[in-house]
Amino acid sequence: MKEYNYYVYIVASRSKVLYIGVTNDLARRISEHKESLIEGFSKKYKIYKLVYFEHTIDINVAIEREKQLKKWRRDKKINLIIKENSNWDDLSKEFNL
C-alpha cells in the first residue's frame, strides 16, 4: 500500500498576516505562494513565509486539522507558531526554496 503525504501549513507575511492551508506537496505549494502564482488572499497580502507545518499520511486528518486551526483565535495560532518556531524563521529553506 502506497503511503501519501499531506501537510497542514501556516504561511505569514512580513506583518504577520497568516494563511492556513493543506497540500499534498508542501514544497510545490510554498513555491506557488512565493511566486504569487495563485490569485487570492495570500497573493494580495504577500504571504509567502512558511512558519509552521504538520505532516500526516491521512487526508481526512489533514483537512480536519486545517479546519480546527482556522477556527482558532489569532493569539492561539501565534502561540502554536512560537512554540515550534520562536523566531518565525522561514522553514521553506529546508526545501531549498
N, C-alpha and C. Protein backbone atom coordinates (compact mmCIF):
# COMPACT_ATOMS: atom_id res chain seq x y z
N MET A 1 0.84 -1.19 0.00
CA MET A 1 0.00 0.00 0.00
C MET A 1 0.88 1.25 0.00
N LYS A 2 0.61 2.15 -0.93
CA LYS A 2 1.41 3.37 -1.04
C LYS A 2 1.04 4.36 0.07
N GLU A 3 2.06 4.96 0.64
CA GLU A 3 1.84 5.97 1.68
C GLU A 3 1.85 7.35 1.04
N TYR A 4 0.87 8.15 1.40
CA TYR A 4 0.78 9.51 0.88
C TYR A 4 1.17 10.50 1.97
N ASN A 5 1.58 11.67 1.55
CA ASN A 5 1.96 12.73 2.48
C ASN A 5 1.02 13.91 2.32
N TYR A 6 0.56 14.42 3.44
CA TYR A 6 -0.29 15.61 3.46
C TYR A 6 0.25 16.55 4.53
N TYR A 7 0.12 17.81 4.26
CA TYR A 7 0.65 18.83 5.16
C TYR A 7 -0.39 19.90 5.43
N VAL A 8 -0.51 20.26 6.69
CA VAL A 8 -1.25 21.46 7.09
C VAL A 8 -0.17 22.48 7.38
N TYR A 9 -0.32 23.66 6.84
CA TYR A 9 0.77 24.63 6.96
C TYR A 9 0.24 26.02 7.24
N ILE A 10 1.12 26.84 7.80
CA ILE A 10 0.82 28.25 8.03
C ILE A 10 1.93 29.06 7.37
N VAL A 11 1.52 29.99 6.52
CA VAL A 11 2.46 30.94 5.94
C VAL A 11 2.10 32.32 6.46
N ALA A 12 3.09 33.19 6.49
CA ALA A 12 2.90 34.53 7.06
C ALA A 12 3.53 35.58 6.16
N SER A 13 2.99 36.78 6.27
CA SER A 13 3.59 37.93 5.59
C SER A 13 4.59 38.58 6.54
N ARG A 14 5.27 39.58 6.06
CA ARG A 14 6.21 40.31 6.94
C ARG A 14 5.50 40.93 8.13
N SER A 15 4.26 41.36 7.91
CA SER A 15 3.49 41.96 9.00
C SER A 15 2.69 40.93 9.79
N LYS A 16 2.97 39.64 9.55
CA LYS A 16 2.39 38.52 10.27
C LYS A 16 0.90 38.31 10.01
N VAL A 17 0.47 38.62 8.79
CA VAL A 17 -0.84 38.17 8.34
C VAL A 17 -0.68 36.68 8.06
N LEU A 18 -1.62 35.86 8.53
CA LEU A 18 -1.48 34.42 8.45
C LEU A 18 -2.43 33.80 7.43
N TYR A 19 -1.96 32.73 6.81
CA TYR A 19 -2.78 31.92 5.90
C TYR A 19 -2.55 30.46 6.28
N ILE A 20 -3.63 29.71 6.41
CA ILE A 20 -3.56 28.29 6.75
C ILE A 20 -4.08 27.49 5.56
N GLY A 21 -3.33 26.46 5.19
CA GLY A 21 -3.74 25.64 4.06
C GLY A 21 -3.37 24.18 4.27
N VAL A 22 -3.79 23.36 3.31
CA VAL A 22 -3.46 21.94 3.30
C VAL A 22 -3.01 21.57 1.89
N THR A 23 -2.03 20.69 1.79
CA THR A 23 -1.49 20.30 0.49
C THR A 23 -0.90 18.90 0.55
N ASN A 24 -0.73 18.30 -0.60
CA ASN A 24 -0.04 17.01 -0.66
C ASN A 24 1.40 17.18 -1.15
N ASP A 25 1.79 18.41 -1.45
CA ASP A 25 3.16 18.70 -1.90
C ASP A 25 3.57 20.05 -1.33
N LEU A 26 4.16 20.02 -0.17
CA LEU A 26 4.47 21.25 0.55
C LEU A 26 5.46 22.13 -0.21
N ALA A 27 6.50 21.55 -0.75
CA ALA A 27 7.49 22.33 -1.48
C ALA A 27 6.86 23.06 -2.67
N ARG A 28 6.04 22.36 -3.44
CA ARG A 28 5.37 22.97 -4.59
C ARG A 28 4.44 24.09 -4.14
N ARG A 29 3.66 23.82 -3.10
CA ARG A 29 2.67 24.81 -2.65
C ARG A 29 3.35 26.07 -2.12
N ILE A 30 4.40 25.92 -1.37
CA ILE A 30 5.11 27.09 -0.84
C ILE A 30 5.76 27.86 -1.98
N SER A 31 6.27 27.15 -2.96
CA SER A 31 6.82 27.80 -4.15
C SER A 31 5.75 28.63 -4.85
N GLU A 32 4.53 28.10 -4.93
CA GLU A 32 3.42 28.86 -5.53
C GLU A 32 3.12 30.12 -4.73
N HIS A 33 3.17 30.02 -3.41
CA HIS A 33 2.98 31.22 -2.57
C HIS A 33 4.09 32.23 -2.85
N LYS A 34 5.33 31.78 -2.84
CA LYS A 34 6.46 32.69 -3.02
C LYS A 34 6.44 33.39 -4.38
N GLU A 35 5.98 32.69 -5.41
CA GLU A 35 5.94 33.25 -6.76
C GLU A 35 4.61 33.92 -7.08
N SER A 36 3.71 34.00 -6.08
CA SER A 36 2.39 34.62 -6.24
C SER A 36 1.64 34.05 -7.45
N LEU A 37 1.64 32.74 -7.59
CA LEU A 37 1.01 32.09 -8.74
C LEU A 37 -0.50 31.90 -8.57
N ILE A 38 -0.98 31.91 -7.34
CA ILE A 38 -2.39 31.67 -7.07
C ILE A 38 -3.06 32.99 -6.68
N GLU A 39 -4.11 33.33 -7.42
CA GLU A 39 -4.86 34.55 -7.10
C GLU A 39 -5.57 34.37 -5.76
N GLY A 40 -5.72 35.46 -5.03
CA GLY A 40 -6.49 35.40 -3.79
C GLY A 40 -5.79 36.04 -2.62
N PHE A 41 -6.21 35.62 -1.44
CA PHE A 41 -5.78 36.20 -0.18
C PHE A 41 -4.27 36.23 -0.02
N SER A 42 -3.63 35.09 -0.22
CA SER A 42 -2.18 35.04 0.03
C SER A 42 -1.40 35.91 -0.95
N LYS A 43 -1.85 36.01 -2.18
CA LYS A 43 -1.18 36.88 -3.16
C LYS A 43 -1.41 38.35 -2.79
N LYS A 44 -2.64 38.67 -2.44
CA LYS A 44 -2.99 40.05 -2.09
C LYS A 44 -2.15 40.58 -0.93
N TYR A 45 -1.94 39.74 0.08
CA TYR A 45 -1.24 40.18 1.29
C TYR A 45 0.23 39.75 1.32
N LYS A 46 0.75 39.23 0.19
CA LYS A 46 2.16 38.83 0.08
C LYS A 46 2.57 37.88 1.20
N ILE A 47 1.79 36.82 1.31
CA ILE A 47 2.01 35.82 2.34
C ILE A 47 2.80 34.67 1.73
N TYR A 48 4.05 34.53 2.11
CA TYR A 48 4.90 33.54 1.47
C TYR A 48 5.88 32.83 2.41
N LYS A 49 5.97 33.25 3.64
CA LYS A 49 6.97 32.69 4.55
C LYS A 49 6.37 31.52 5.33
N LEU A 50 6.90 30.32 5.12
CA LEU A 50 6.43 29.13 5.83
C LEU A 50 6.92 29.19 7.28
N VAL A 51 5.98 29.32 8.21
CA VAL A 51 6.36 29.45 9.62
C VAL A 51 5.96 28.25 10.47
N TYR A 52 5.11 27.37 9.90
CA TYR A 52 4.66 26.21 10.67
C TYR A 52 4.09 25.17 9.71
N PHE A 53 4.33 23.89 10.01
CA PHE A 53 3.63 22.85 9.26
C PHE A 53 3.56 21.56 10.08
N GLU A 54 2.58 20.76 9.74
CA GLU A 54 2.39 19.44 10.33
C GLU A 54 2.27 18.45 9.19
N HIS A 55 2.71 17.23 9.42
CA HIS A 55 2.66 16.17 8.42
C HIS A 55 1.74 15.04 8.88
N THR A 56 1.00 14.46 7.95
CA THR A 56 0.20 13.27 8.20
C THR A 56 0.11 12.46 6.91
N ILE A 57 -0.25 11.20 7.04
CA ILE A 57 -0.45 10.37 5.85
C ILE A 57 -1.95 10.19 5.55
N ASP A 58 -2.79 10.83 6.34
CA ASP A 58 -4.25 10.70 6.20
C ASP A 58 -4.85 12.05 5.80
N ILE A 59 -5.42 12.11 4.59
CA ILE A 59 -6.00 13.37 4.10
C ILE A 59 -7.12 13.87 5.00
N ASN A 60 -7.90 12.96 5.56
CA ASN A 60 -9.00 13.38 6.43
C ASN A 60 -8.49 14.04 7.70
N VAL A 61 -7.40 13.53 8.23
CA VAL A 61 -6.77 14.14 9.42
C VAL A 61 -6.27 15.54 9.06
N ALA A 62 -5.65 15.67 7.89
CA ALA A 62 -5.13 16.96 7.46
C ALA A 62 -6.25 17.99 7.29
N ILE A 63 -7.33 17.59 6.66
CA ILE A 63 -8.45 18.51 6.43
C ILE A 63 -9.09 18.92 7.75
N GLU A 64 -9.27 17.98 8.66
CA GLU A 64 -9.86 18.31 9.96
C GLU A 64 -8.95 19.24 10.76
N ARG A 65 -7.65 19.00 10.69
CA ARG A 65 -6.71 19.87 11.42
C ARG A 65 -6.72 21.27 10.83
N GLU A 66 -6.76 21.38 9.51
CA GLU A 66 -6.84 22.69 8.87
C GLU A 66 -8.09 23.44 9.35
N LYS A 67 -9.22 22.77 9.36
CA LYS A 67 -10.47 23.39 9.83
C LYS A 67 -10.35 23.82 11.29
N GLN A 68 -9.74 22.97 12.10
CA GLN A 68 -9.56 23.29 13.51
C GLN A 68 -8.70 24.55 13.68
N LEU A 69 -7.57 24.60 13.00
CA LEU A 69 -6.67 25.75 13.12
C LEU A 69 -7.34 27.03 12.63
N LYS A 70 -8.11 26.94 11.57
CA LYS A 70 -8.78 28.12 11.03
C LYS A 70 -9.81 28.68 12.00
N LYS A 71 -10.35 27.85 12.87
CA LYS A 71 -11.34 28.31 13.86
C LYS A 71 -10.68 28.95 15.08
N TRP A 72 -9.40 28.69 15.27
CA TRP A 72 -8.71 29.23 16.43
C TRP A 72 -8.62 30.75 16.37
N ARG A 73 -8.56 31.35 17.55
CA ARG A 73 -8.29 32.79 17.63
C ARG A 73 -6.85 33.05 17.20
N ARG A 74 -6.58 34.24 16.74
CA ARG A 74 -5.26 34.62 16.24
C ARG A 74 -4.16 34.36 17.28
N ASP A 75 -4.41 34.73 18.54
CA ASP A 75 -3.38 34.56 19.57
C ASP A 75 -3.02 33.09 19.78
N LYS A 76 -3.98 32.21 19.65
CA LYS A 76 -3.70 30.78 19.80
C LYS A 76 -2.85 30.27 18.63
N LYS A 77 -3.13 30.77 17.42
CA LYS A 77 -2.32 30.40 16.25
C LYS A 77 -0.89 30.89 16.42
N ILE A 78 -0.75 32.12 16.89
CA ILE A 78 0.58 32.69 17.09
C ILE A 78 1.35 31.89 18.15
N ASN A 79 0.68 31.50 19.23
CA ASN A 79 1.34 30.69 20.25
C ASN A 79 1.79 29.34 19.70
N LEU A 80 1.01 28.74 18.81
CA LEU A 80 1.40 27.49 18.18
C LEU A 80 2.68 27.68 17.36
N ILE A 81 2.71 28.75 16.60
CA ILE A 81 3.90 29.05 15.78
C ILE A 81 5.11 29.27 16.68
N ILE A 82 4.96 30.10 17.69
CA ILE A 82 6.07 30.44 18.58
C ILE A 82 6.60 29.20 19.31
N LYS A 83 5.71 28.30 19.68
CA LYS A 83 6.12 27.08 20.37
C LYS A 83 7.09 26.25 19.51
N GLU A 84 6.84 26.21 18.22
CA GLU A 84 7.66 25.40 17.31
C GLU A 84 8.73 26.21 16.57
N ASN A 85 8.50 27.51 16.43
CA ASN A 85 9.37 28.34 15.60
C ASN A 85 9.41 29.75 16.19
N SER A 86 10.07 29.89 17.31
CA SER A 86 10.03 31.14 18.08
C SER A 86 10.56 32.36 17.33
N ASN A 87 11.44 32.15 16.36
CA ASN A 87 11.99 33.27 15.60
C ASN A 87 11.24 33.55 14.30
N TRP A 88 10.18 32.81 14.07
CA TRP A 88 9.40 32.95 12.83
C TRP A 88 10.30 32.77 11.61
N ASP A 89 11.23 31.82 11.69
CA ASP A 89 12.12 31.53 10.57
C ASP A 89 11.31 30.99 9.39
N ASP A 90 11.82 31.18 8.20
CA ASP A 90 11.19 30.64 7.00
C ASP A 90 11.61 29.18 6.87
N LEU A 91 10.72 28.28 7.21
CA LEU A 91 11.01 26.85 7.23
C LEU A 91 11.14 26.26 5.83
N SER A 92 10.78 27.02 4.82
CA SER A 92 10.88 26.51 3.45
C SER A 92 12.34 26.36 3.04
N LYS A 93 13.25 26.92 3.78
CA LYS A 93 14.68 26.76 3.48
C LYS A 93 15.07 25.28 3.56
N GLU A 94 14.31 24.50 4.35
CA GLU A 94 14.54 23.06 4.42
C GLU A 94 14.31 22.40 3.06
N PHE A 95 13.52 23.04 2.21
CA PHE A 95 13.19 22.51 0.89
C PHE A 95 13.98 23.19 -0.22
N ASN A 96 14.96 24.02 0.18
CA ASN A 96 15.79 24.77 -0.78
C ASN A 96 14.95 25.64 -1.70
N LEU A 97 13.95 26.31 -1.15
CA LEU A 97 13.10 27.21 -1.96
C LEU A 97 13.55 28.64 -1.80
